[in-house]
Amino acid sequence: MLERTDHAGLALRPASLLEALRERTRDLHVRAERSGIIADILKGRCTREDYARLLRSLLPVYQALEQQLAGRAGSIAITPIFRPELARAGAISEDLRYFPPGRDEQSPAVLRYVSAILAASEGDGSRLIAHAYARYLGDLSGGQILSRLLARSLDLPPEALSFYAFPGISDIGAFKSDYRAAIDRAGDESEDFDAVVEEGALAFELNIDLSLALQADVTQPLRD
């Protein structure tokens, strides 16, 4: 993981898990915004069909994450970040009702993502912190921008954008500040700080791979 050095040249770990995750994933965060289907959404090039496939791909990811977080809610490393009001799987299922039915997404990228989440729940489950960081803080921040863009470019009603709505959170800004602090508290209780940080990088890489895979499927020419 990234480390700093003091005046004597000795390596110092970042002061908090949140800071360490930010440093480790900074470049990956930029790549995630500039890659795949997310870049298409930001540029207004995403169709309703494309977006529905993104939702169907993310549904098993959130189902796995939320099942594992709930199962580990009693762990001292997970208790601070287990917030049922953040759960997205139900909202995604509701949104999919506004799109034509499609097959469940079981692409290699989706399966790898789900497998990584299941693996992250092993031990004290603290590596799940990294996946919650990557997904939920993204939903609370950049997700709000995506919601406005999708509403405009795809003419979607609010009822089709439940994924980005958090009715259980009255003040998103205050909630994000509290959740960031909760991540730091969870980091203090984790068995392996460095493993959580590296899992954060993996979470972003898996998200990028999924986004690129969806874009590749869209641009792949039809075959006879």
Protein backbone atom coordinates (compact mmCIF):
# COMPACT_ATOMS: atom_id res chain seq x y z
CA MET A 1 0.00 0.00 0.00
CA LEU A 2 1.04 3.62 -0.32
CA GLU A 3 3.07 4.97 2.57
CA ARG A 4 4.57 8.28 3.54
CA THR A 5 7.96 8.90 5.08
CA ASP A 6 8.96 11.08 7.99
CA HIS A 7 11.96 13.40 8.15
CA ALA A 8 14.21 10.42 8.89
CA GLY A 9 12.99 8.54 5.84
CA LEU A 10 10.99 5.99 7.85
CA ALA A 11 7.77 4.76 6.28
CA LEU A 12 4.59 5.99 7.89
CA ARG A 13 1.19 4.49 7.26
CA PRO A 14 -1.65 6.91 6.34
CA ALA A 15 -3.36 8.20 9.44
CA SER A 16 -6.69 6.52 8.67
CA LEU A 17 -8.22 3.78 6.58
CA LEU A 18 -10.24 6.33 4.62
CA GLU A 19 -7.10 8.27 3.74
CA ALA A 20 -5.30 5.07 2.75
CA LEU A 21 -8.19 3.95 0.54
CA ARG A 22 -8.35 7.35 -1.13
CA GLU A 23 -4.63 7.33 -1.89
CA ARG A 24 -4.61 3.76 -3.14
CA THR A 25 -7.65 4.16 -5.42
CA ARG A 26 -7.18 7.74 -6.62
CA ASP A 27 -6.04 6.82 -10.15
CA LEU A 28 -8.47 3.91 -10.34
CA HIS A 29 -11.32 6.24 -9.46
CA VAL A 30 -10.45 8.45 -12.43
CA ARG A 31 -10.21 5.40 -14.70
CA ALA A 32 -13.62 4.19 -13.53
CA GLU A 33 -15.20 7.48 -14.58
CA ARG A 34 -13.49 7.44 -17.98
CA SER A 35 -14.00 3.80 -18.90
CA GLY A 36 -16.71 1.60 -20.29
CA ILE A 37 -20.41 2.11 -19.95
CA ILE A 38 -19.99 4.71 -17.20
CA ALA A 39 -18.11 6.94 -19.63
CA ASP A 40 -20.91 6.38 -22.15
CA ILE A 41 -23.48 7.51 -19.59
CA LEU A 42 -21.47 10.62 -18.77
CA LYS A 43 -21.23 11.45 -22.49
CA GLY A 44 -24.91 10.80 -23.15
CA ARG A 45 -24.20 7.77 -25.38
CA CYS A 46 -26.00 5.17 -23.28
CA THR A 47 -29.32 3.68 -24.46
CA ARG A 48 -32.12 2.39 -22.27
CA GLU A 49 -31.15 -1.16 -23.17
CA ASP A 50 -27.53 -0.49 -22.19
CA TYR A 51 -28.57 0.97 -18.88
CA ALA A 52 -30.92 -1.93 -18.13
CA ARG A 53 -28.03 -4.35 -18.73
CA LEU A 54 -25.90 -2.35 -16.29
CA LEU A 55 -28.63 -2.65 -13.66
CA ARG A 56 -29.00 -6.39 -14.26
CA SER A 57 -25.23 -6.76 -13.90
CA LEU A 58 -25.05 -4.76 -10.68
CA LEU A 59 -27.98 -6.55 -9.04
CA PRO A 60 -26.08 -9.76 -8.12
CA VAL A 61 -23.12 -7.64 -6.98
CA TYR A 62 -25.26 -5.70 -4.51
CA GLN A 63 -27.14 -8.82 -3.45
CA ALA A 64 -23.86 -10.50 -2.58
CA LEU A 65 -22.46 -7.44 -0.80
CA GLU A 66 -25.59 -6.82 1.24
CA GLN A 67 -26.03 -10.46 2.18
CA GLN A 68 -22.43 -10.66 3.37
CA LEU A 69 -22.60 -7.37 5.28
CA ALA A 70 -25.80 -8.49 7.01
CA GLY A 71 -24.24 -11.84 7.84
CA ARG A 72 -21.23 -10.10 9.35
CA ALA A 73 -23.13 -7.30 11.06
CA GLY A 74 -22.07 -8.57 14.48
CA SER A 75 -18.37 -8.34 13.64
CA ILE A 76 -16.64 -5.41 15.32
CA ALA A 77 -15.07 -4.54 11.95
CA ILE A 78 -18.41 -4.48 10.12
CA THR A 79 -20.81 -3.08 12.73
CA PRO A 80 -19.78 0.58 12.12
CA ILE A 81 -20.47 0.40 8.36
CA PHE A 82 -23.55 -1.82 8.29
CA ARG A 83 -26.28 0.65 7.36
CA PRO A 84 -29.47 -0.96 5.97
CA GLU A 85 -30.56 2.41 4.56
CA LEU A 86 -27.75 2.10 2.01
CA ALA A 87 -29.00 -1.20 0.57
CA ARG A 88 -29.41 -0.95 -3.22
CA ALA A 89 -30.49 -4.42 -4.39
CA GLY A 90 -34.18 -3.77 -3.71
CA ALA A 91 -34.05 -0.39 -5.45
CA ILE A 92 -32.38 -1.90 -8.51
CA SER A 93 -35.08 -4.58 -8.69
CA GLU A 94 -37.73 -1.86 -8.59
CA ASP A 95 -36.02 0.10 -11.36
CA LEU A 96 -35.84 -2.96 -13.61
CA ARG A 97 -39.64 -3.07 -13.69
CA TYR A 98 -39.52 -0.02 -15.97
CA PHE A 99 -37.45 -1.79 -18.62
CA PRO A 100 -38.23 -4.74 -20.92
CA PRO A 101 -37.36 -8.09 -19.30
CA GLY A 102 -33.88 -9.39 -20.00
CA ARG A 103 -31.78 -12.37 -19.04
CA ASP A 104 -29.97 -12.44 -15.71
CA GLU A 105 -26.42 -11.23 -16.19
CA GLN A 106 -23.93 -14.01 -15.51
CA SER A 107 -20.99 -12.64 -17.48
CA PRO A 108 -17.45 -13.53 -16.37
CA ALA A 109 -17.00 -9.96 -15.09
CA VAL A 110 -20.12 -10.23 -12.91
CA LEU A 111 -19.12 -13.66 -11.60
CA ARG A 112 -15.60 -12.44 -10.74
CA TYR A 113 -17.04 -9.46 -8.88
CA VAL A 114 -19.44 -11.61 -6.86
CA SER A 115 -16.72 -14.17 -6.10
CA ALA A 116 -14.42 -11.42 -4.83
CA ILE A 117 -17.12 -10.15 -2.45
CA LEU A 118 -17.71 -13.65 -1.10
CA ALA A 119 -13.98 -14.09 -0.58
CA ALA A 120 -13.78 -10.71 1.17
CA SER A 121 -16.22 -11.93 3.81
CA GLU A 122 -13.78 -14.55 5.04
CA GLY A 123 -11.95 -14.12 8.33
CA ASP A 124 -13.33 -11.17 10.28
CA GLY A 125 -14.99 -9.90 7.11
CA SER A 126 -13.10 -6.62 7.23
CA ARG A 127 -12.24 -6.64 3.53
CA LEU A 128 -15.95 -6.01 2.94
CA ILE A 129 -15.25 -2.48 4.18
CA ALA A 130 -13.43 -1.81 0.92
CA HIS A 131 -16.39 -2.91 -1.21
CA ALA A 132 -18.80 -0.81 0.85
CA TYR A 133 -16.44 2.15 0.42
CA ALA A 134 -16.22 1.72 -3.35
CA ARG A 135 -19.91 1.15 -3.97
CA TYR A 136 -21.87 3.16 -1.40
CA LEU A 137 -19.81 6.32 -1.26
CA GLY A 138 -19.84 6.28 -5.05
CA ASP A 139 -23.63 5.95 -5.08
CA LEU A 140 -23.98 8.83 -2.63
CA SER A 141 -21.65 11.08 -4.63
CA GLY A 142 -21.13 10.38 -8.33
CA GLY A 143 -24.35 8.39 -8.45
CA GLN A 144 -26.32 11.57 -7.94
CA ILE A 145 -24.71 13.04 -11.06
CA LEU A 146 -25.47 9.88 -13.05
CA SER A 147 -29.10 10.05 -11.94
CA ARG A 148 -29.54 13.56 -13.37
CA LEU A 149 -27.79 12.64 -16.60
CA LEU A 150 -29.87 9.49 -17.07
CA ALA A 151 -33.10 11.32 -16.34
CA ARG A 152 -32.27 13.82 -19.09
CA SER A 153 -30.63 11.63 -21.73
CA LEU A 154 -32.97 8.62 -21.42
CA ASP A 155 -36.08 10.53 -20.32
CA LEU A 156 -36.44 8.34 -17.24
CA PRO A 157 -38.93 9.22 -14.51
CA PRO A 158 -37.83 9.34 -10.86
CA GLU A 159 -39.56 5.99 -10.33
CA ALA A 160 -37.02 4.37 -12.70
CA LEU A 161 -34.06 5.88 -10.84
CA SER A 162 -34.61 4.47 -7.36
CA PHE A 163 -31.05 3.15 -7.46
CA TYR A 164 -29.83 6.67 -6.78
CA ALA A 165 -32.52 7.65 -4.26
CA PHE A 166 -32.00 7.22 -0.53
CA PRO A 167 -35.36 7.88 1.14
CA GLY A 168 -34.00 6.70 4.49
CA ILE A 169 -31.32 9.42 4.49
CA SER A 170 -32.55 12.95 5.10
CA ASP A 171 -29.19 14.73 4.66
CA ILE A 172 -26.85 12.98 2.24
CA GLY A 173 -23.95 15.35 2.94
CA ALA A 174 -24.09 14.76 6.68
CA PHE A 175 -24.55 11.04 6.16
CA LYS A 176 -21.46 10.83 3.95
CA SER A 177 -19.37 12.56 6.62
CA ASP A 178 -20.66 10.14 9.24
CA TYR A 179 -20.06 7.13 6.99
CA ARG A 180 -16.50 8.19 6.26
CA ALA A 181 -15.88 8.37 10.00
CA ALA A 182 -17.48 4.94 10.35
CA ILE A 183 -15.06 3.53 7.78
CA ASP A 184 -12.18 4.81 9.88
CA ARG A 185 -13.64 3.24 13.02
CA ALA A 186 -14.09 -0.03 11.16
CA GLY A 187 -10.48 0.17 9.98
CA ASP A 188 -9.30 0.47 13.55
CA GLU A 189 -11.02 -2.86 14.30
CA SER A 190 -9.89 -4.76 11.21
CA GLU A 191 -7.47 -7.64 11.50
CA ASP A 192 -5.43 -6.56 8.48
CA PHE A 193 -5.44 -2.86 7.57
CA ASP A 194 -3.29 -3.33 4.48
CA ALA A 195 -5.50 -6.13 3.14
CA VAL A 196 -8.53 -3.83 3.32
CA VAL A 197 -6.67 -1.15 1.38
CA GLU A 198 -5.64 -3.58 -1.34
CA GLU A 199 -9.20 -4.89 -1.49
CA GLY A 200 -10.26 -1.32 -2.21
CA ALA A 201 -8.07 -1.33 -5.31
CA LEU A 202 -9.51 -4.69 -6.33
CA ALA A 203 -13.07 -3.37 -5.90
CA PHE A 204 -12.38 -0.52 -8.32
CA GLU A 205 -10.65 -2.82 -10.80
CA LEU A 206 -13.62 -5.19 -10.75
CA ASN A 207 -15.98 -2.28 -11.32
CA ILE A 208 -13.88 -1.06 -14.27
CA ASP A 209 -13.76 -4.56 -15.77
CA LEU A 210 -17.54 -4.87 -15.49
CA SER A 211 -18.07 -1.48 -17.10
CA LEU A 212 -15.69 -2.30 -19.97
CA ALA A 213 -17.31 -5.70 -20.51
CA LEU A 214 -20.74 -4.11 -20.84
CA GLN A 215 -19.43 -1.54 -23.29
CA ALA A 216 -17.73 -4.26 -25.34
CA ASP A 217 -20.98 -6.21 -25.56
CA VAL A 218 -22.76 -3.11 -26.83
CA THR A 219 -20.19 -2.36 -29.55
CA GLN A 220 -19.62 -5.95 -30.66
CA PRO A 221 -20.97 -6.38 -34.20
CA LEU A 222 -23.89 -8.74 -34.70
CA ARG A 223 -23.05 -12.14 -36.12
CA ASP A 224 -25.13 -14.31 -38.42
